[in-house]
């Protein structure tokens, strides 16, 4: 679990949606192979969003799955 606060820029009213960029180092996240995955985000136990992602090697790189 993780908590964070996001400031409200000028012109944004309470309750308006806004985009938040979040970066995380996921070194110990088990990814068995390249392909499609999704993050399932829950807030207070309720589904908030599903975020699809695709794992693929960069051009010229090689992925090692263990």
PDB file of N, CA and C in Angstrom:
ATOM      1  N   UNK A   1       0.840  -1.174   0.000  1.00  0.00           N
ATOM      2  CA  UNK A   1       0.000   0.000   0.000  1.00  0.00           C
ATOM      3  C   UNK A   1       0.880   1.230   0.000  1.00  0.00           C
ATOM      4  N   UNK A   2       0.366   2.280  -0.587  1.00  0.00           N
ATOM      5  CA  UNK A   2       1.132   3.505  -0.700  1.00  0.00           C
ATOM      6  C   UNK A   2       0.151   4.675  -0.631  1.00  0.00           C
ATOM      7  N   UNK A   3       0.589   5.759  -0.028  1.00  0.00           N
ATOM      8  CA  UNK A   3      -0.249   6.958   0.071  1.00  0.00           C
ATOM      9  C   UNK A   3       0.514   8.147  -0.493  1.00  0.00           C
ATOM     10  N   UNK A   4      -0.208   9.079  -1.103  1.00  0.00           N
ATOM     11  CA  UNK A   4       0.405  10.304  -1.597  1.00  0.00           C
ATOM     12  C   UNK A   4      -0.652  11.379  -1.690  1.00  0.00           C
ATOM     13  N   UNK A   5      -0.210  12.632  -1.681  1.00  0.00           N
ATOM     14  CA  UNK A   5      -1.096  13.781  -1.854  1.00  0.00           C
ATOM     15  C   UNK A   5      -0.724  14.491  -3.149  1.00  0.00           C
ATOM     16  N   UNK A   6      -1.709  15.005  -3.825  1.00  0.00           N
ATOM     17  CA  UNK A   6      -1.491  15.738  -5.063  1.00  0.00           C
ATOM     18  C   UNK A   6      -2.039  17.142  -4.871  1.00  0.00           C
ATOM     19  N   UNK A   7      -1.210  18.153  -5.119  1.00  0.00           N
ATOM     20  CA  UNK A   7      -1.669  19.534  -5.008  1.00  0.00           C
ATOM     21  C   UNK A   7      -2.649  19.868  -6.117  1.00  0.00           C
ATOM     22  N   UNK A   8      -3.491  20.859  -5.857  1.00  0.00           N
ATOM     23  CA  UNK A   8      -4.486  21.254  -6.854  1.00  0.00           C
ATOM     24  C   UNK A   8      -4.002  22.529  -7.546  1.00  0.00           C
ATOM     25  N   UNK A   9      -3.707  22.452  -8.859  1.00  0.00           N
ATOM     26  CA  UNK A   9      -3.261  23.632  -9.601  1.00  0.00           C
ATOM     27  C   UNK A   9      -4.360  24.690  -9.691  1.00  0.00           C
ATOM     28  N   UNK A  10      -3.959  25.907  -9.971  1.00  0.00           N
ATOM     29  CA  UNK A  10      -4.930  26.989 -10.151  1.00  0.00           C
ATOM     30  C   UNK A  10      -5.915  26.622 -11.251  1.00  0.00           C
ATOM     31  N   UNK A  11      -7.172  26.891 -11.038  1.00  0.00           N
ATOM     32  CA  UNK A  11      -8.199  26.629 -12.031  1.00  0.00           C
ATOM     33  C   UNK A  11      -8.852  25.265 -11.893  1.00  0.00           C
ATOM     34  N   UNK A  12      -8.279  24.383 -11.099  1.00  0.00           N
ATOM     35  CA  UNK A  12      -8.869  23.054 -10.876  1.00  0.00           C
ATOM     36  C   UNK A  12      -9.733  23.145  -9.618  1.00  0.00           C
ATOM     37  N   UNK A  13     -10.981  22.727  -9.761  1.00  0.00           N
ATOM     38  CA  UNK A  13     -11.909  22.780  -8.625  1.00  0.00           C
ATOM     39  C   UNK A  13     -11.857  21.471  -7.844  1.00  0.00           C
ATOM     40  N   UNK A  14     -12.189  21.518  -6.557  1.00  0.00           N
ATOM     41  CA  UNK A  14     -12.259  20.267  -5.786  1.00  0.00           C
ATOM     42  C   UNK A  14     -13.180  19.265  -6.478  1.00  0.00           C
ATOM     43  N   UNK A  15     -12.703  18.030  -6.626  1.00  0.00           N
ATOM     44  CA  UNK A  15     -13.486  16.991  -7.279  1.00  0.00           C
ATOM     45  C   UNK A  15     -13.169  16.806  -8.745  1.00  0.00           C
ATOM     46  N   UNK A  16     -12.491  17.781  -9.394  1.00  0.00           N
ATOM     47  CA  UNK A  16     -12.099  17.624 -10.796  1.00  0.00           C
ATOM     48  C   UNK A  16     -11.021  16.557 -10.913  1.00  0.00           C
ATOM     49  N   UNK A  17     -11.032  15.803 -12.022  1.00  0.00           N
ATOM     50  CA  UNK A  17      -9.987  14.822 -12.276  1.00  0.00           C
ATOM     51  C   UNK A  17      -8.730  15.521 -12.744  1.00  0.00           C
ATOM     52  N   UNK A  18      -7.584  14.930 -12.388  1.00  0.00           N
ATOM     53  CA  UNK A  18      -6.318  15.400 -12.925  1.00  0.00           C
ATOM     54  C   UNK A  18      -5.367  14.220 -13.049  1.00  0.00           C
ATOM     55  N   UNK A  19      -4.419  14.334 -13.958  1.00  0.00           N
ATOM     56  CA  UNK A  19      -3.466  13.265 -14.216  1.00  0.00           C
ATOM     57  C   UNK A  19      -2.283  13.418 -13.279  1.00  0.00           C
ATOM     58  N   UNK A  20      -1.836  12.295 -12.726  1.00  0.00           N
ATOM     59  CA  UNK A  20      -0.674  12.271 -11.850  1.00  0.00           C
ATOM     60  C   UNK A  20       0.335  11.301 -12.433  1.00  0.00           C
ATOM     61  N   UNK A  21       1.547  11.756 -12.638  1.00  0.00           N
ATOM     62  CA  UNK A  21       2.599  10.884 -13.139  1.00  0.00           C
ATOM     63  C   UNK A  21       3.270  10.209 -11.959  1.00  0.00           C
ATOM     64  N   UNK A  22       3.422   8.904 -12.051  1.00  0.00           N
ATOM     65  CA  UNK A  22       4.020   8.129 -10.973  1.00  0.00           C
ATOM     66  C   UNK A  22       5.041   7.192 -11.577  1.00  0.00           C
ATOM     67  N   UNK A  23       6.251   7.221 -11.055  1.00  0.00           N
ATOM     68  CA  UNK A  23       7.293   6.302 -11.521  1.00  0.00           C
ATOM     69  C   UNK A  23       7.691   5.411 -10.353  1.00  0.00           C
ATOM     70  N   UNK A  24       7.957   4.158 -10.643  1.00  0.00           N
ATOM     71  CA  UNK A  24       8.350   3.216  -9.602  1.00  0.00           C
ATOM     72  C   UNK A  24       9.399   2.262 -10.150  1.00  0.00           C
ATOM     73  N   UNK A  25      10.347   1.912  -9.303  1.00  0.00           N
ATOM     74  CA  UNK A  25      11.346   0.923  -9.650  1.00  0.00           C
ATOM     75  C   UNK A  25      10.789  -0.435  -9.237  1.00  0.00           C
ATOM     76  N   UNK A  26      10.488  -1.283 -10.188  1.00  0.00           N
ATOM     77  CA  UNK A  26       9.817  -2.551  -9.927  1.00  0.00           C
ATOM     78  C   UNK A  26      10.759  -3.729 -10.138  1.00  0.00           C
ATOM     79  N   UNK A  27      11.941  -3.639  -9.578  1.00  0.00           N
ATOM     80  CA  UNK A  27      12.969  -4.653  -9.795  1.00  0.00           C
ATOM     81  C   UNK A  27      12.499  -6.042  -9.379  1.00  0.00           C
ATOM     82  N   UNK A  28      11.788  -6.158  -8.268  1.00  0.00           N
ATOM     83  CA  UNK A  28      11.393  -7.487  -7.786  1.00  0.00           C
ATOM     84  C   UNK A  28       9.998  -7.911  -8.271  1.00  0.00           C
ATOM     85  N   UNK A  29       9.417  -7.161  -9.194  1.00  0.00           N
ATOM     86  CA  UNK A  29       8.125  -7.544  -9.747  1.00  0.00           C
ATOM     87  C   UNK A  29       8.319  -8.738 -10.675  1.00  0.00           C
ATOM     88  N   UNK A  30       7.687  -9.867 -10.374  1.00  0.00           N
ATOM     89  CA  UNK A  30       7.891 -11.040 -11.225  1.00  0.00           C
ATOM     90  C   UNK A  30       7.162 -10.896 -12.562  1.00  0.00           C
ATOM     91  N   UNK A  31       7.917 -10.835 -13.638  1.00  0.00           N
ATOM     92  CA  UNK A  31       7.356 -10.783 -14.989  1.00  0.00           C
ATOM     93  C   UNK A  31       7.918 -11.994 -15.723  1.00  0.00           C
ATOM     94  N   UNK A  32       7.091 -13.012 -15.952  1.00  0.00           N
ATOM     95  CA  UNK A  32       7.603 -14.265 -16.506  1.00  0.00           C
ATOM     96  C   UNK A  32       8.012 -14.201 -17.978  1.00  0.00           C
ATOM     97  N   UNK A  33       7.454 -13.262 -18.739  1.00  0.00           N
ATOM     98  CA  UNK A  33       7.776 -13.196 -20.168  1.00  0.00           C
ATOM     99  C   UNK A  33       7.305 -11.862 -20.728  1.00  0.00           C
ATOM    100  N   UNK A  34       7.828 -11.503 -21.886  1.00  0.00           N
ATOM    101  CA  UNK A  34       7.342 -10.314 -22.572  1.00  0.00           C
ATOM    102  C   UNK A  34       5.884 -10.543 -22.952  1.00  0.00           C
ATOM    103  N   UNK A  35       5.102  -9.475 -22.981  1.00  0.00           N
ATOM    104  CA  UNK A  35       3.699  -9.608 -23.361  1.00  0.00           C
ATOM    105  C   UNK A  35       2.844  -8.548 -22.710  1.00  0.00           C
ATOM    106  N   UNK A  36       1.533  -8.775 -22.709  1.00  0.00           N
ATOM    107  CA  UNK A  36       0.573  -7.821 -22.160  1.00  0.00           C
ATOM    108  C   UNK A  36       0.300  -8.125 -20.691  1.00  0.00           C
ATOM    109  N   UNK A  37       0.246  -7.077 -19.891  1.00  0.00           N
ATOM    110  CA  UNK A  37      -0.077  -7.165 -18.472  1.00  0.00           C
ATOM    111  C   UNK A  37      -0.971  -5.990 -18.132  1.00  0.00           C
ATOM    112  N   UNK A  38      -1.439  -5.933 -16.894  1.00  0.00           N
ATOM    113  CA  UNK A  38      -2.153  -4.741 -16.449  1.00  0.00           C
ATOM    114  C   UNK A  38      -1.957  -4.570 -14.952  1.00  0.00           C
ATOM    115  N   UNK A  39      -1.915  -3.310 -14.546  1.00  0.00           N
ATOM    116  CA  UNK A  39      -1.930  -2.962 -13.135  1.00  0.00           C
ATOM    117  C   UNK A  39      -3.383  -2.754 -12.759  1.00  0.00           C
ATOM    118  N   UNK A  40      -3.795  -3.309 -11.643  1.00  0.00           N
ATOM    119  CA  UNK A  40      -5.147  -3.109 -11.138  1.00  0.00           C
ATOM    120  C   UNK A  40      -5.018  -2.209  -9.920  1.00  0.00           C
ATOM    121  N   UNK A  41      -5.610  -1.027  -9.997  1.00  0.00           N
ATOM    122  CA  UNK A  41      -5.496  -0.041  -8.925  1.00  0.00           C
ATOM    123  C   UNK A  41      -6.780  -0.023  -8.118  1.00  0.00           C
ATOM    124  N   UNK A  42      -6.620  -0.186  -6.821  1.00  0.00           N
ATOM    125  CA  UNK A  42      -7.761  -0.151  -5.915  1.00  0.00           C
ATOM    126  C   UNK A  42      -7.550   0.961  -4.898  1.00  0.00           C
ATOM    127  N   UNK A  43      -8.622   1.649  -4.567  1.00  0.00           N
ATOM    128  CA  UNK A  43      -8.614   2.665  -3.517  1.00  0.00           C
ATOM    129  C   UNK A  43      -9.620   2.252  -2.472  1.00  0.00           C
ATOM    130  N   UNK A  44      -9.151   2.087  -1.249  1.00  0.00           N
ATOM    131  CA  UNK A  44     -10.016   1.641  -0.156  1.00  0.00           C
ATOM    132  C   UNK A  44     -10.753   0.355  -0.518  1.00  0.00           C
ATOM    133  N   UNK A  45     -10.058  -0.558  -1.205  1.00  0.00           N
ATOM    134  CA  UNK A  45     -10.641  -1.851  -1.555  1.00  0.00           C
ATOM    135  C   UNK A  45     -11.554  -1.840  -2.765  1.00  0.00           C
ATOM    136  N   UNK A  46     -11.788  -0.688  -3.364  1.00  0.00           N
ATOM    137  CA  UNK A  46     -12.668  -0.569  -4.539  1.00  0.00           C
ATOM    138  C   UNK A  46     -11.826  -0.396  -5.803  1.00  0.00           C
ATOM    139  N   UNK A  47     -12.238  -1.058  -6.872  1.00  0.00           N
ATOM    140  CA  UNK A  47     -11.535  -0.926  -8.143  1.00  0.00           C
ATOM    141  C   UNK A  47     -11.596   0.517  -8.618  1.00  0.00           C
ATOM    142  N   UNK A  48     -10.436   1.121  -8.849  1.00  0.00           N
ATOM    143  CA  UNK A  48     -10.380   2.492  -9.345  1.00  0.00           C
ATOM    144  C   UNK A  48     -10.063   2.516 -10.837  1.00  0.00           C
ATOM    145  N   UNK A  49      -9.139   1.676 -11.248  1.00  0.00           N
ATOM    146  CA  UNK A  49      -8.737   1.706 -12.659  1.00  0.00           C
ATOM    147  C   UNK A  49      -7.884   0.493 -12.993  1.00  0.00           C
ATOM    148  N   UNK A  50      -7.915   0.113 -14.239  1.00  0.00           N
ATOM    149  CA  UNK A  50      -7.008  -0.903 -14.773  1.00  0.00           C
ATOM    150  C   UNK A  50      -6.120  -0.210 -15.802  1.00  0.00           C
ATOM    151  N   UNK A  51      -4.806  -0.368 -15.644  1.00  0.00           N
ATOM    152  CA  UNK A  51      -3.860   0.272 -16.545  1.00  0.00           C
ATOM    153  C   UNK A  51      -3.084  -0.796 -17.311  1.00  0.00           C
ATOM    154  N   UNK A  52      -3.320  -0.900 -18.608  1.00  0.00           N
ATOM    155  CA  UNK A  52      -2.601  -1.909 -19.389  1.00  0.00           C
ATOM    156  C   UNK A  52      -1.144  -1.494 -19.610  1.00  0.00           C
ATOM    157  N   UNK A  53      -0.271  -2.486 -19.720  1.00  0.00           N
ATOM    158  CA  UNK A  53       1.106  -2.224 -20.090  1.00  0.00           C
ATOM    159  C   UNK A  53       1.610  -3.399 -20.906  1.00  0.00           C
ATOM    160  N   UNK A  54       2.584  -3.130 -21.711  1.00  0.00           N
ATOM    161  CA  UNK A  54       3.187  -4.171 -22.540  1.00  0.00           C
ATOM    162  C   UNK A  54       4.672  -4.201 -22.221  1.00  0.00           C
ATOM    163  N   UNK A  55       5.190  -5.379 -21.939  1.00  0.00           N
ATOM    164  CA  UNK A  55       6.612  -5.570 -21.682  1.00  0.00           C
ATOM    165  C   UNK A  55       7.246  -6.074 -22.964  1.00  0.00           C
ATOM    166  N   UNK A  56       8.244  -5.335 -23.429  1.00  0.00           N
ATOM    167  CA  UNK A  56       8.953  -5.749 -24.634  1.00  0.00           C
ATOM    168  C   UNK A  56      10.362  -5.191 -24.554  1.00  0.00           C
ATOM    169  N   UNK A  57      11.308  -5.868 -25.156  1.00  0.00           N
ATOM    170  CA  UNK A  57      12.687  -5.377 -25.111  1.00  0.00           C
ATOM    171  C   UNK A  57      12.854  -4.139 -25.978  1.00  0.00           C
ATOM    172  N   UNK A  58      13.752  -3.267 -25.552  1.00  0.00           N
ATOM    173  CA  UNK A  58      14.126  -2.115 -26.382  1.00  0.00           C
ATOM    174  C   UNK A  58      14.876  -2.648 -27.595  1.00  0.00           C
ATOM    175  N   UNK A  59      14.875  -1.922 -28.701  1.00  0.00           N
ATOM    176  CA  UNK A  59      15.614  -2.388 -29.880  1.00  0.00           C
ATOM    177  C   UNK A  59      17.076  -2.679 -29.535  1.00  0.00           C
ATOM    178  N   UNK A  60      17.511  -3.867 -29.877  1.00  0.00           N
ATOM    179  CA  UNK A  60      18.886  -4.264 -29.605  1.00  0.00           C
ATOM    180  C   UNK A  60      19.112  -4.823 -28.215  1.00  0.00           C
ATOM    181  N   UNK A  61      18.106  -4.770 -27.342  1.00  0.00           N
ATOM    182  CA  UNK A  61      18.251  -5.282 -25.973  1.00  0.00           C
ATOM    183  C   UNK A  61      17.703  -6.702 -25.887  1.00  0.00           C
ATOM    184  N   UNK A  62      18.077  -7.377 -24.842  1.00  0.00           N
ATOM    185  CA  UNK A  62      17.606  -8.724 -24.619  1.00  0.00           C
ATOM    186  C   UNK A  62      17.052  -8.798 -23.202  1.00  0.00           C
ATOM    187  N   UNK A  63      15.835  -9.353 -23.047  1.00  0.00           N
ATOM    188  CA  UNK A  63      15.237  -9.523 -21.725  1.00  0.00           C
ATOM    189  C   UNK A  63      15.573 -10.907 -21.205  1.00  0.00           C
ATOM    190  N   UNK A  64      15.935 -10.981 -19.958  1.00  0.00           N
ATOM    191  CA  UNK A  64      16.202 -12.264 -19.303  1.00  0.00           C
ATOM    192  C   UNK A  64      15.143 -12.507 -18.262  1.00  0.00           C
ATOM    193  N   UNK A  65      14.312 -13.487 -18.482  1.00  0.00           N
ATOM    194  CA  UNK A  65      13.253 -13.824 -17.532  1.00  0.00           C
ATOM    195  C   UNK A  65      13.696 -15.056 -16.764  1.00  0.00           C
ATOM    196  N   UNK A  66      13.453 -15.024 -15.455  1.00  0.00           N
ATOM    197  CA  UNK A  66      13.908 -16.150 -14.669  1.00  0.00           C
ATOM    198  C   UNK A  66      12.873 -16.806 -13.855  1.00  0.00           C
TER     199      UNK A  66
END
